[in-house]
Amino acid sequence: MTNELIISVSQRDISIAYTEDKKLLELHKEKSSNKFTVGDIYLAKVKKVMNGLNAAFVDVGYNKDAFLHYFDLGPQFASQQKFLEPLINSAGAIQKLQDFKLLKDINKFGKISEVISGGQTLLVQIAKEPISTKGPRLSSEISIAGRNLVLIPFSNTVSVSKKILDDEERKRLKRLIQSIKPENFGVIVRTVAKTRRVALLDEELRNLVKKWEETISKLHELTPPSVAMGELNKPAALLRDILNQSFSSIFVDNESVYTQIKSYISEIAPDKEKIVKLYDKREPIFDHLGISKQIKAAFGKTVTIQSGAYLIIEDTEALTVIDVNSGNRSKKADDQETNAVEVNILAAEEIARQLRLRDIGGIIVVDFIDMHSIDNKNKLYQYMKDAMKDDRTKHSILPLSKFGLMQITRQRVRPATDIEIKETCPTCDGTGEISPSILFIDEIENHLKYMTDKYTGKIELHLHPYIAGYLKNGIWSKQNKWMFRYKRLIKIIPVITYNFLEYKFYNKKGDELKP
């Protein structure tokens, strides 16, 4: 498997495409002026304490107040406040956290009014970005992420990623970190730290502690609400989380971002520095590498799977609903049950991809094609879990209900990616919309494949002269490729009375072929 990251930079935003074996799996868009990103640390001020919600509304500079629940304060909130208060209010000598005596944990089931009051200054971290009409969600349990480790001030717990399955390796990492970490700092060992040597982990841990100390040393200079520490930019944060040995290329079309990425790669994985490549051709990078076409095919309400099957994806405020349809899929199986299993398995794979690609969060309900066999239902449930195992976002999958519905919950920390793919109709002067024109030839071929499966003999394709000219152009024209691929005589007939995107199939007798 080869992984690639393609980064397109414009004045307004940065678009990042992540592919595996050339297939688009994730698409991220970040505005150049983006604030309130997950991981950003703010010095903020409490606006209002809501006892009924056991939460507080906090001013972080967003146009709506951020939300901080009691459960997100963290057990060592009292210690954090006592330690930070003199640092916020004066520029005196900075006390080392490792020399500080922690207070006892706050009451797990206490009231927020017991520990927070209006006007109080807090150090908080964005846990969930603003979504729809809601402001950011906050946590005061600060964490600073590195490539191999996550540092948690005001804690002494060391935990190891559950994805590291080797028991001996887990014990080794835990002993190692416990022996080198400073007092009053907790550490989470990330999956990528597996087999890493002590010198590398020790250096990273020191850098994370230094980052924390530099942040708190400047708190007295800030007037809330202010950013105390910003998360890495999106490309760097993504590389920190997903970069591995299977990465073959990172393409960047902006020299400044290219330099930043190369510098960051040289720090976290020097052996991978050579895979960062500057793209300098005139054609847009997403068009040249086939990303634009995949985006047009993958977004929108209807998503084609293959052989006629498709998904309908509907978003609501409360949940996302996905309907699986077999469409005009050629039924090669002898019975409906086998056909349903085949379509459902294909759909599960595409659904797992769509959830990552669109970054859909919250409750997702999938209406699969009905199956009667318990074994087949269990097989689909297991396949869905396997298909989503590489999804880094926390998620939970429930078995099929008796109504054939599968419920998936997926953590929502930022708005879902929404790409408008409809285009202005070229034949009605903008009074209607059409599907993406870049997919038109693929649509014709999908229907042609269905016709060759269903009908025998020569097939005539009637369409607009402009499209006919494109399909017949060159020795290795689309027409010749189709005849070679489907082993069928295919004649293309230009019809001047057809509108630009109209086409029909006929047999040699002149009878129209219907799906």
Protein backbone atom coordinates (compact mmCIF):
# COMPACT_ATOMS: atom_id res chain seq x y z
CA MET A 1 0.00 0.00 0.00
CA THR A 2 1.31 3.45 -0.94
CA ASN A 3 0.02 6.59 0.77
CA GLU A 4 0.21 10.11 -0.60
CA LEU A 5 -0.61 13.57 0.72
CA ILE A 6 -1.51 16.25 -1.81
CA ILE A 7 -1.57 19.84 -0.51
CA SER A 8 -3.14 22.64 -2.53
CA VAL A 9 -2.61 26.19 -1.24
CA SER A 10 -4.68 29.22 -2.23
CA GLN A 11 -4.98 32.71 -0.77
CA ARG A 12 -8.12 31.78 1.14
CA ASP A 13 -7.53 28.20 2.25
CA ILE A 14 -5.41 25.06 2.23
CA SER A 15 -6.89 21.83 0.84
CA ILE A 16 -5.30 18.52 1.83
CA ALA A 17 -6.08 15.20 0.16
CA TYR A 18 -4.93 11.90 1.68
CA THR A 19 -4.91 8.89 -0.63
CA GLU A 20 -4.17 5.20 -0.28
CA ASP A 21 -3.23 3.44 -3.52
CA LYS A 22 -4.45 6.56 -5.39
CA LYS A 23 -7.92 6.32 -3.78
CA LEU A 24 -9.09 9.45 -1.94
CA LEU A 25 -9.79 8.65 1.73
CA GLU A 26 -9.63 12.01 3.52
CA LEU A 27 -10.15 15.60 2.43
CA HIS A 28 -9.38 18.51 4.74
CA LYS A 29 -9.99 22.18 4.10
CA GLU A 30 -8.60 24.87 6.37
CA LYS A 31 -9.08 28.59 5.91
CA SER A 32 -5.87 30.59 6.09
CA SER A 33 -7.34 32.65 8.94
CA ASN A 34 -8.78 29.65 10.76
CA LYS A 35 -9.01 29.90 14.54
CA PHE A 36 -10.50 27.71 17.25
CA THR A 37 -8.89 24.53 15.95
CA VAL A 38 -8.96 21.39 18.10
CA GLY A 39 -5.85 21.51 20.28
CA ASP A 40 -5.54 25.31 20.47
CA ILE A 41 -4.93 26.53 24.05
CA TYR A 42 -6.56 29.80 25.15
CA LEU A 43 -6.36 32.09 28.12
CA ALA A 44 -10.08 32.76 28.57
CA LYS A 45 -12.54 34.41 30.93
CA VAL A 46 -15.69 32.86 32.44
CA LYS A 47 -18.79 34.79 31.33
CA LYS A 48 -21.55 32.88 33.09
CA VAL A 49 -21.89 29.85 35.39
CA MET A 50 -24.97 27.70 34.67
CA ASN A 51 -25.75 25.54 37.70
CA GLY A 52 -28.64 23.81 35.90
CA LEU A 53 -26.26 22.57 33.19
CA ASN A 54 -23.37 22.09 35.64
CA ALA A 55 -21.32 24.03 33.11
CA ALA A 56 -19.95 27.47 32.34
CA PHE A 57 -19.98 29.68 29.27
CA VAL A 58 -16.49 31.00 28.54
CA ASP A 59 -15.28 33.83 26.32
CA VAL A 60 -12.48 32.63 24.01
CA GLY A 61 -12.99 35.37 21.40
CA TYR A 62 -15.52 33.51 19.23
CA ASN A 63 -18.81 35.27 18.41
CA LYS A 64 -20.60 32.73 20.61
CA ASP A 65 -19.42 31.78 24.09
CA ALA A 66 -17.64 28.44 24.39
CA PHE A 67 -19.04 25.64 26.57
CA LEU A 68 -17.11 24.09 29.48
CA HIS A 69 -18.79 21.25 31.39
CA TYR A 70 -17.80 20.22 34.91
CA PHE A 71 -16.73 16.78 33.68
CA ASP A 72 -14.25 18.48 31.29
CA LEU A 73 -12.44 20.35 34.05
CA GLY A 74 -10.19 17.39 34.81
CA PRO A 75 -9.53 15.91 38.27
CA GLN A 76 -6.58 18.25 38.92
CA PHE A 77 -8.43 21.49 38.12
CA ALA A 78 -7.82 22.92 41.61
CA SER A 79 -4.07 22.27 41.29
CA GLN A 80 -3.99 23.87 37.84
CA GLN A 81 -5.74 27.02 39.07
CA LYS A 82 -3.49 27.39 42.12
CA PHE A 83 -0.36 26.90 40.01
CA LEU A 84 -1.37 29.23 37.17
CA GLU A 85 -2.89 32.10 39.14
CA PRO A 86 0.42 33.78 40.12
CA LEU A 87 1.77 33.25 36.58
CA ILE A 88 -1.23 34.99 35.05
CA ASN A 89 -1.18 37.93 37.43
CA SER A 90 2.54 38.69 37.62
CA ALA A 91 5.81 38.39 35.72
CA GLY A 92 7.75 37.00 38.66
CA ALA A 93 9.93 33.89 38.78
CA ILE A 94 8.28 30.83 37.24
CA GLN A 95 7.87 27.86 39.51
CA LYS A 96 8.67 24.52 37.88
CA LEU A 97 5.62 22.27 37.73
CA GLN A 98 7.74 19.31 38.85
CA ASP A 99 8.45 21.20 42.12
CA PHE A 100 4.78 21.98 42.74
CA LYS A 101 2.76 19.99 45.28
CA LEU A 102 -0.47 18.83 43.69
CA LEU A 103 -3.74 19.27 45.57
CA LYS A 104 -6.23 16.44 45.91
CA ASP A 105 -8.58 15.76 42.99
CA ILE A 106 -11.80 17.74 42.80
CA ASN A 107 -15.04 15.91 43.60
CA LYS A 108 -15.94 13.77 40.60
CA PHE A 109 -19.65 14.49 41.04
CA GLY A 110 -19.34 18.06 42.34
CA LYS A 111 -21.01 21.28 41.22
CA ILE A 112 -19.33 23.75 38.88
CA SER A 113 -20.22 26.69 41.13
CA GLU A 114 -17.98 25.14 43.82
CA VAL A 115 -14.83 25.59 41.68
CA ILE A 116 -15.60 28.32 39.10
CA SER A 117 -17.10 31.81 39.36
CA GLY A 118 -17.99 34.49 36.83
CA GLY A 119 -15.07 36.64 35.67
CA GLN A 120 -12.49 33.99 36.56
CA THR A 121 -9.53 33.53 34.18
CA LEU A 122 -8.89 29.97 32.96
CA LEU A 123 -6.44 28.14 30.74
CA VAL A 124 -8.57 25.99 28.40
CA GLN A 125 -8.13 23.90 25.27
CA ILE A 126 -10.47 23.54 22.27
CA ALA A 127 -11.95 20.02 22.39
CA LYS A 128 -14.55 20.54 19.65
CA GLU A 129 -14.61 23.22 16.99
CA PRO A 130 -17.64 25.50 16.46
CA ILE A 131 -20.36 23.55 14.64
CA SER A 132 -23.53 25.06 13.18
CA THR A 133 -25.01 27.46 15.77
CA LYS A 134 -22.85 26.20 18.65
CA GLY A 135 -19.63 27.71 19.95
CA PRO A 136 -16.49 25.68 20.70
CA ARG A 137 -16.47 22.94 23.35
CA LEU A 138 -13.67 23.31 25.89
CA SER A 139 -11.59 21.24 28.27
CA SER A 140 -9.33 22.56 31.00
CA GLU A 141 -7.41 19.26 31.08
CA ILE A 142 -4.54 20.44 28.88
CA SER A 143 -2.68 18.04 26.57
CA ILE A 144 0.25 18.81 24.23
CA ALA A 145 0.62 16.35 21.37
CA GLY A 146 3.92 15.28 19.84
CA ARG A 147 4.79 12.69 17.22
CA ASN A 148 5.25 9.80 19.67
CA LEU A 149 3.96 11.17 22.98
CA VAL A 150 1.19 13.32 24.40
CA LEU A 151 2.13 15.39 27.47
CA ILE A 152 -0.52 16.03 30.16
CA PRO A 153 0.47 18.57 32.85
CA PHE A 154 -0.91 18.10 36.40
CA SER A 155 -1.01 14.32 36.11
CA ASN A 156 1.32 11.45 36.91
CA THR A 157 -0.38 8.75 34.86
CA VAL A 158 1.47 6.93 32.06
CA SER A 159 -0.71 5.08 29.56
CA VAL A 160 0.12 3.25 26.35
CA SER A 161 -1.98 3.16 23.17
CA LYS A 162 -4.30 0.14 23.06
CA LYS A 163 -3.31 -0.36 19.42
CA ILE A 164 0.10 -1.59 20.59
CA LEU A 165 -0.85 -5.23 21.15
CA ASP A 166 2.53 -6.70 22.10
CA ASP A 167 2.40 -7.02 25.91
CA GLU A 168 6.19 -6.94 26.33
CA GLU A 169 6.47 -3.80 24.21
CA ARG A 170 3.72 -2.11 26.22
CA LYS A 171 5.54 -2.88 29.47
CA ARG A 172 8.85 -1.68 28.01
CA LEU A 173 7.39 1.65 26.91
CA LYS A 174 5.60 2.21 30.21
CA ARG A 175 8.76 1.50 32.26
CA LEU A 176 10.84 3.68 29.96
CA ILE A 177 8.51 6.71 30.17
CA GLN A 178 8.08 6.37 33.94
CA SER A 179 11.85 6.46 34.33
CA ILE A 180 12.39 9.63 32.26
CA LYS A 181 9.28 11.78 32.76
CA PRO A 182 9.35 14.73 35.20
CA GLU A 183 7.10 14.73 38.27
CA ASN A 184 3.56 16.09 37.79
CA PHE A 185 3.49 15.35 34.08
CA GLY A 186 1.38 12.53 32.67
CA VAL A 187 2.19 10.92 29.32
CA ILE A 188 0.20 9.02 26.70
CA VAL A 189 2.40 6.85 24.49
CA ARG A 190 1.09 6.91 20.91
CA THR A 191 0.94 3.90 18.58
CA VAL A 192 3.77 5.19 16.40
CA ALA A 193 6.15 5.02 19.42
CA LYS A 194 6.28 1.23 19.13
CA THR A 195 9.96 0.04 19.05
CA ARG A 196 11.22 3.63 19.44
CA ARG A 197 14.50 4.00 21.34
CA VAL A 198 14.80 5.80 24.66
CA ALA A 199 16.99 8.64 23.30
CA LEU A 200 14.37 9.67 20.74
CA LEU A 201 11.48 9.52 23.23
CA ASP A 202 13.50 11.38 25.87
CA GLU A 203 14.30 14.18 23.42
CA GLU A 204 10.65 14.53 22.40
CA LEU A 205 9.49 14.54 26.02
CA ARG A 206 11.97 17.32 26.87
CA ASN A 207 10.75 19.36 23.89
CA LEU A 208 7.10 18.99 24.96
CA VAL A 209 7.94 20.05 28.54
CA LYS A 210 9.87 23.03 27.13
CA LYS A 211 6.87 23.96 24.99
CA TRP A 212 4.66 23.92 28.10
CA GLU A 213 7.11 26.05 30.10
CA GLU A 214 7.44 28.60 27.29
CA THR A 215 3.64 28.86 27.10
CA ILE A 216 3.03 29.48 30.79
CA SER A 217 5.96 31.93 31.00
CA LYS A 218 4.09 34.28 28.65
CA LEU A 219 0.66 34.10 30.30
CA HIS A 220 1.18 37.39 32.16
CA GLU A 221 1.57 39.16 28.80
CA LEU A 222 -1.84 38.01 27.54
CA THR A 223 -5.20 39.69 27.98
CA PRO A 224 -8.05 37.19 27.85
CA PRO A 225 -9.37 36.04 25.50
CA SER A 226 -6.02 35.23 23.78
CA VAL A 227 -4.30 32.24 22.18
CA ALA A 228 -1.69 30.87 24.59
CA MET A 229 -0.51 28.06 22.29
CA GLY A 230 -1.72 27.28 18.78
CA GLU A 231 -2.02 23.77 17.39
CA LEU A 232 0.21 22.91 14.42
CA ASN A 233 -1.12 23.96 11.03
CA LYS A 234 -3.33 21.34 9.41
CA PRO A 235 -0.75 19.74 7.07
CA ALA A 236 1.79 19.36 9.89
CA ALA A 237 -0.82 18.07 12.36
CA LEU A 238 -2.01 15.50 9.81
CA LEU A 239 1.53 14.36 9.11
CA ARG A 240 2.24 14.09 12.83
CA ASP A 241 -0.72 11.74 13.21
CA ILE A 242 -0.58 9.58 10.07
CA LEU A 243 2.97 9.62 8.64
CA ASN A 244 4.37 6.09 8.39
CA GLN A 245 6.71 3.98 6.28
CA SER A 246 4.07 3.40 3.58
CA PHE A 247 4.10 7.10 2.58
CA SER A 248 5.63 7.44 -0.87
CA SER A 249 5.00 11.10 -1.75
CA ILE A 250 3.90 14.44 -0.32
CA PHE A 251 3.08 16.95 -3.08
CA VAL A 252 2.84 20.69 -2.28
CA ASP A 253 2.04 23.42 -4.81
CA ASN A 254 3.27 26.34 -2.70
CA GLU A 255 6.98 26.99 -2.08
CA SER A 256 6.52 28.49 1.39
CA VAL A 257 4.36 25.59 2.65
CA TYR A 258 6.73 23.15 0.90
CA THR A 259 9.64 24.56 2.94
CA GLN A 260 7.63 24.36 6.18
CA ILE A 261 6.56 20.76 5.53
CA LYS A 262 10.09 19.68 4.57
CA SER A 263 11.47 21.28 7.73
CA TYR A 264 8.84 19.58 9.91
CA ILE A 265 9.44 16.18 8.25
CA SER A 266 13.17 16.53 8.86
CA GLU A 267 12.40 16.85 12.59
CA ILE A 268 9.91 14.00 13.03
CA ALA A 269 11.12 11.56 10.35
CA PRO A 270 14.42 12.59 8.71
CA ASP A 271 14.46 9.50 6.50
CA LYS A 272 11.22 10.70 4.84
CA GLU A 273 12.41 14.20 3.93
CA LYS A 274 13.06 13.20 0.30
CA ILE A 275 9.41 12.28 -0.33
CA VAL A 276 8.32 15.94 -0.05
CA LYS A 277 8.02 17.30 -3.60
CA LEU A 278 7.25 20.78 -4.91
CA TYR A 279 4.62 20.77 -7.66
CA ASP A 280 5.22 23.61 -10.14
CA LYS A 281 3.16 22.77 -13.25
CA ARG A 282 0.51 25.15 -14.61
CA GLU A 283 -2.36 22.67 -14.32
CA PRO A 284 -3.94 22.74 -10.82
CA ILE A 285 -2.42 20.03 -8.63
CA PHE A 286 -5.77 18.41 -7.77
CA ASP A 287 -6.67 18.18 -11.49
CA HIS A 288 -3.26 16.81 -12.50
CA LEU A 289 -3.29 14.06 -9.84
CA GLY A 290 -6.93 13.04 -10.35
CA ILE A 291 -8.20 14.38 -7.01
CA SER A 292 -10.77 16.80 -8.46
CA LYS A 293 -12.52 13.99 -10.31
CA GLN A 294 -12.65 11.81 -7.19
CA ILE A 295 -14.07 14.72 -5.16
CA LYS A 296 -16.84 15.24 -7.70
CA ALA A 297 -17.65 11.52 -7.67
CA ALA A 298 -17.57 11.09 -3.88
CA PHE A 299 -19.58 14.09 -2.66
CA GLY A 300 -23.23 14.92 -3.17
CA LYS A 301 -26.44 13.22 -2.14
CA THR A 302 -26.02 10.17 -4.40
CA VAL A 303 -22.78 8.16 -4.44
CA THR A 304 -22.29 5.38 -6.98
CA ILE A 305 -20.62 2.23 -5.65
CA GLN A 306 -20.21 -0.06 -8.66
CA SER A 307 -22.25 -2.19 -11.06
CA GLY A 308 -25.28 0.05 -10.60
CA ALA A 309 -25.46 0.00 -6.78
CA TYR A 310 -25.44 3.37 -5.00
CA LEU A 311 -25.82 5.18 -1.67
CA ILE A 312 -28.18 8.01 -0.74
CA ILE A 313 -26.67 10.20 2.01
CA GLU A 314 -28.96 12.65 3.83
CA ASP A 315 -27.75 15.04 6.56
CA THR A 316 -30.03 16.41 9.26
CA GLU A 317 -29.33 18.46 12.38
CA ALA A 318 -29.70 15.37 14.59
CA LEU A 319 -28.15 12.55 12.51
CA THR A 320 -26.97 11.33 9.13
CA VAL A 321 -29.00 8.71 7.26
CA ILE A 322 -27.47 6.45 4.60
CA ASP A 323 -29.68 4.31 2.37
CA VAL A 324 -28.14 1.40 0.42
CA ASN A 325 -29.69 0.65 -2.99
CA SER A 326 -28.86 -2.12 -5.45
CA GLY A 327 -30.18 0.05 -8.34
CA ASN A 328 -29.94 -1.62 -11.74
CA ARG A 329 -27.08 -3.82 -10.59
CA SER A 330 -26.75 -6.94 -12.70
CA LYS A 331 -27.83 -9.86 -10.53
CA LYS A 332 -25.18 -12.48 -11.14
CA ALA A 333 -26.19 -14.37 -8.02
CA ASP A 334 -28.96 -16.95 -8.19
CA ASP A 335 -30.96 -15.65 -5.24
CA GLN A 336 -31.88 -12.34 -3.62
CA GLU A 337 -30.06 -13.11 -0.33
CA THR A 338 -26.68 -13.63 -2.01
CA ASN A 339 -27.17 -10.50 -4.10
CA ALA A 340 -28.09 -8.49 -0.98
CA VAL A 341 -24.95 -9.69 0.84
CA GLU A 342 -22.71 -8.72 -2.10
CA VAL A 343 -24.22 -5.23 -2.39
CA ASN A 344 -24.13 -4.68 1.39
CA ILE A 345 -20.44 -5.67 1.59
CA LEU A 346 -19.57 -3.23 -1.21
CA ALA A 347 -21.67 -0.55 0.50
CA ALA A 348 -19.99 -1.09 3.89
CA GLU A 349 -16.56 -0.46 2.38
CA GLU A 350 -17.75 2.75 0.67
CA ILE A 351 -19.62 3.94 3.79
CA ALA A 352 -16.42 3.59 5.89
CA ARG A 353 -14.63 5.70 3.27
CA GLN A 354 -17.42 8.29 3.12
CA LEU A 355 -17.43 8.79 6.90
CA ARG A 356 -13.70 9.59 6.83
CA LEU A 357 -13.86 11.61 3.63
CA ARG A 358 -16.73 13.86 4.76
CA ASP A 359 -15.69 13.68 8.43
CA ILE A 360 -19.27 12.85 9.37
CA GLY A 361 -19.82 12.82 13.14
CA GLY A 362 -22.64 12.17 15.58
CA ILE A 363 -25.23 9.47 14.96
CA ILE A 364 -25.19 7.68 11.59
CA VAL A 365 -28.01 5.28 10.68
CA VAL A 366 -27.44 2.94 7.72
CA ASP A 367 -30.37 1.18 6.03
CA PHE A 368 -28.81 -1.88 4.41
CA ILE A 369 -30.65 -4.16 1.98
CA ASP A 370 -32.68 -6.71 3.95
CA MET A 371 -31.03 -10.06 4.69
CA HIS A 372 -32.68 -13.01 6.41
CA SER A 373 -29.68 -15.08 7.49
CA ILE A 374 -28.27 -14.34 10.97
CA ASP A 375 -24.84 -15.47 9.73
CA ASN A 376 -24.96 -12.95 6.89
CA LYS A 377 -25.96 -10.16 9.28
CA ASN A 378 -23.05 -11.01 11.57
CA LYS A 379 -20.73 -11.21 8.57
CA LEU A 380 -21.76 -7.68 7.50
CA TYR A 381 -21.34 -6.33 11.06
CA GLN A 382 -17.81 -7.77 11.29
CA TYR A 383 -16.94 -6.47 7.83
CA MET A 384 -18.10 -2.97 8.80
CA LYS A 385 -15.88 -3.04 11.90
CA ASP A 386 -12.90 -4.17 9.82
CA ALA A 387 -13.57 -1.48 7.19
CA MET A 388 -13.49 1.23 9.88
CA LYS A 389 -10.51 -0.05 11.87
CA ASP A 390 -8.16 2.51 10.23
CA ASP A 391 -10.48 5.42 11.07
CA ARG A 392 -8.56 7.49 13.65
CA THR A 393 -11.72 9.19 14.93
CA LYS A 394 -13.35 7.47 17.91
CA HIS A 395 -16.38 5.49 16.81
CA SER A 396 -18.75 2.75 17.88
CA ILE A 397 -20.72 0.33 15.69
CA LEU A 398 -23.82 -1.62 16.75
CA PRO A 399 -25.02 -4.87 15.10
CA LEU A 400 -27.92 -4.78 12.65
CA SER A 401 -31.31 -4.30 14.28
CA LYS A 402 -34.28 -6.51 13.40
CA PHE A 403 -35.30 -3.81 10.92
CA GLY A 404 -31.97 -4.09 9.05
CA LEU A 405 -30.62 -0.81 10.41
CA MET A 406 -27.05 -0.33 11.64
CA GLN A 407 -26.25 2.49 14.07
CA ILE A 408 -22.80 4.06 14.11
CA THR A 409 -21.65 6.83 16.42
CA ARG A 410 -18.58 8.79 15.41
CA GLN A 411 -16.95 11.55 17.43
CA ARG A 412 -17.70 14.99 16.04
CA VAL A 413 -14.96 17.55 16.74
CA ARG A 414 -15.36 19.82 13.69
CA PRO A 415 -17.98 20.58 11.02
CA ALA A 416 -18.38 17.89 8.35
CA THR A 417 -16.71 18.57 4.99
CA ASP A 418 -19.33 19.67 2.49
CA ILE A 419 -18.41 20.13 -1.18
CA GLU A 420 -20.97 21.62 -3.59
CA ILE A 421 -20.71 19.52 -6.77
CA LYS A 422 -23.73 20.71 -8.78
CA GLU A 423 -22.94 22.80 -11.87
CA THR A 424 -24.97 25.32 -13.86
CA CYS A 425 -26.75 23.59 -16.73
CA PRO A 426 -25.19 24.59 -20.09
CA THR A 427 -28.45 24.02 -22.01
CA CYS A 428 -30.91 26.03 -19.91
CA ASP A 429 -28.79 29.11 -19.14
CA GLY A 430 -28.55 28.54 -15.43
CA THR A 431 -32.21 27.88 -14.64
CA GLY A 432 -31.39 24.35 -13.47
CA GLU A 433 -28.48 22.21 -12.24
CA ILE A 434 -26.63 19.19 -13.57
CA SER A 435 -24.39 16.54 -12.09
CA PRO A 436 -20.63 17.26 -12.37
CA SER A 437 -19.66 17.27 -16.06
CA ILE A 438 -16.27 15.73 -15.23
CA LEU A 439 -18.16 12.51 -14.41
CA PHE A 440 -20.31 12.47 -17.57
CA ILE A 441 -18.13 10.04 -19.56
CA ASP A 442 -17.93 7.72 -16.53
CA GLU A 443 -21.72 7.81 -16.32
CA ILE A 444 -22.03 6.82 -19.99
CA GLU A 445 -19.57 3.95 -19.52
CA ASN A 446 -21.41 2.68 -16.44
CA HIS A 447 -24.62 2.52 -18.46
CA LEU A 448 -22.78 0.98 -21.42
CA LYS A 449 -21.40 -1.78 -19.17
CA TYR A 450 -24.91 -2.51 -17.95
CA MET A 451 -26.20 -2.64 -21.55
CA THR A 452 -23.47 -5.10 -22.60
CA ASP A 453 -24.37 -7.33 -19.64
CA LYS A 454 -28.09 -7.23 -20.41
CA TYR A 455 -28.23 -7.18 -24.24
CA THR A 456 -26.40 -9.04 -26.99
CA GLY A 457 -25.26 -7.80 -30.39
CA LYS A 458 -24.16 -4.40 -31.67
CA ILE A 459 -24.92 -1.35 -29.54
CA GLU A 460 -25.43 2.15 -30.93
CA LEU A 461 -24.79 5.16 -28.71
CA HIS A 462 -26.61 8.34 -29.82
CA LEU A 463 -25.48 11.66 -28.34
CA HIS A 464 -24.57 15.30 -29.03
CA PRO A 465 -21.99 15.82 -31.84
CA TYR A 466 -19.48 17.52 -29.48
CA ILE A 467 -19.49 14.52 -27.11
CA ALA A 468 -19.42 12.09 -30.05
CA GLY A 469 -16.33 13.85 -31.43
CA TYR A 470 -14.55 13.55 -28.10
CA LEU A 471 -15.36 9.80 -27.80
CA LYS A 472 -14.16 9.04 -31.37
CA ASN A 473 -11.00 11.16 -31.30
CA GLY A 474 -7.65 9.39 -31.83
CA ILE A 475 -6.47 5.85 -32.56
CA TRP A 476 -6.97 4.85 -28.93
CA SER A 477 -10.26 6.69 -28.64
CA LYS A 478 -12.78 6.01 -25.89
CA GLN A 479 -14.88 4.18 -28.49
CA ASN A 480 -12.04 1.78 -29.40
CA LYS A 481 -11.15 1.20 -25.75
CA TRP A 482 -14.76 0.34 -24.95
CA MET A 483 -15.01 -2.13 -27.86
CA PHE A 484 -11.78 -3.79 -26.74
CA ARG A 485 -12.88 -3.85 -23.06
CA TYR A 486 -16.41 -5.17 -23.59
CA LYS A 487 -15.66 -7.23 -26.74
CA ARG A 488 -18.66 -5.73 -28.51
CA LEU A 489 -19.19 -3.60 -31.62
CA ILE A 490 -20.13 -0.14 -30.36
CA LYS A 491 -21.17 2.50 -32.90
CA ILE A 492 -21.32 6.17 -31.92
CA ILE A 493 -23.95 8.27 -33.73
CA PRO A 494 -23.90 12.09 -33.44
CA VAL A 495 -27.40 13.60 -33.22
CA ILE A 496 -27.54 17.38 -33.61
CA THR A 497 -31.01 17.66 -32.01
CA TYR A 498 -29.83 16.17 -28.69
CA ASN A 499 -28.99 18.55 -25.88
CA PHE A 500 -25.42 18.62 -24.64
CA LEU A 501 -25.72 15.91 -21.96
CA GLU A 502 -28.40 13.73 -23.56
CA TYR A 503 -27.63 10.19 -24.74
CA LYS A 504 -29.53 6.99 -25.61
CA PHE A 505 -28.64 3.39 -26.48
CA TYR A 506 -30.12 1.46 -29.45
CA ASN A 507 -29.70 -2.02 -30.92
CA LYS A 508 -28.93 -2.67 -34.62
CA LYS A 509 -32.67 -2.76 -35.42
CA GLY A 510 -33.10 0.76 -34.08
CA ASP A 511 -34.96 -0.23 -30.90
CA GLU A 512 -34.08 1.84 -27.84
CA LEU A 513 -32.42 -0.19 -25.09
CA LYS A 514 -33.93 0.44 -21.66
CA PRO A 515 -32.26 -0.22 -18.27
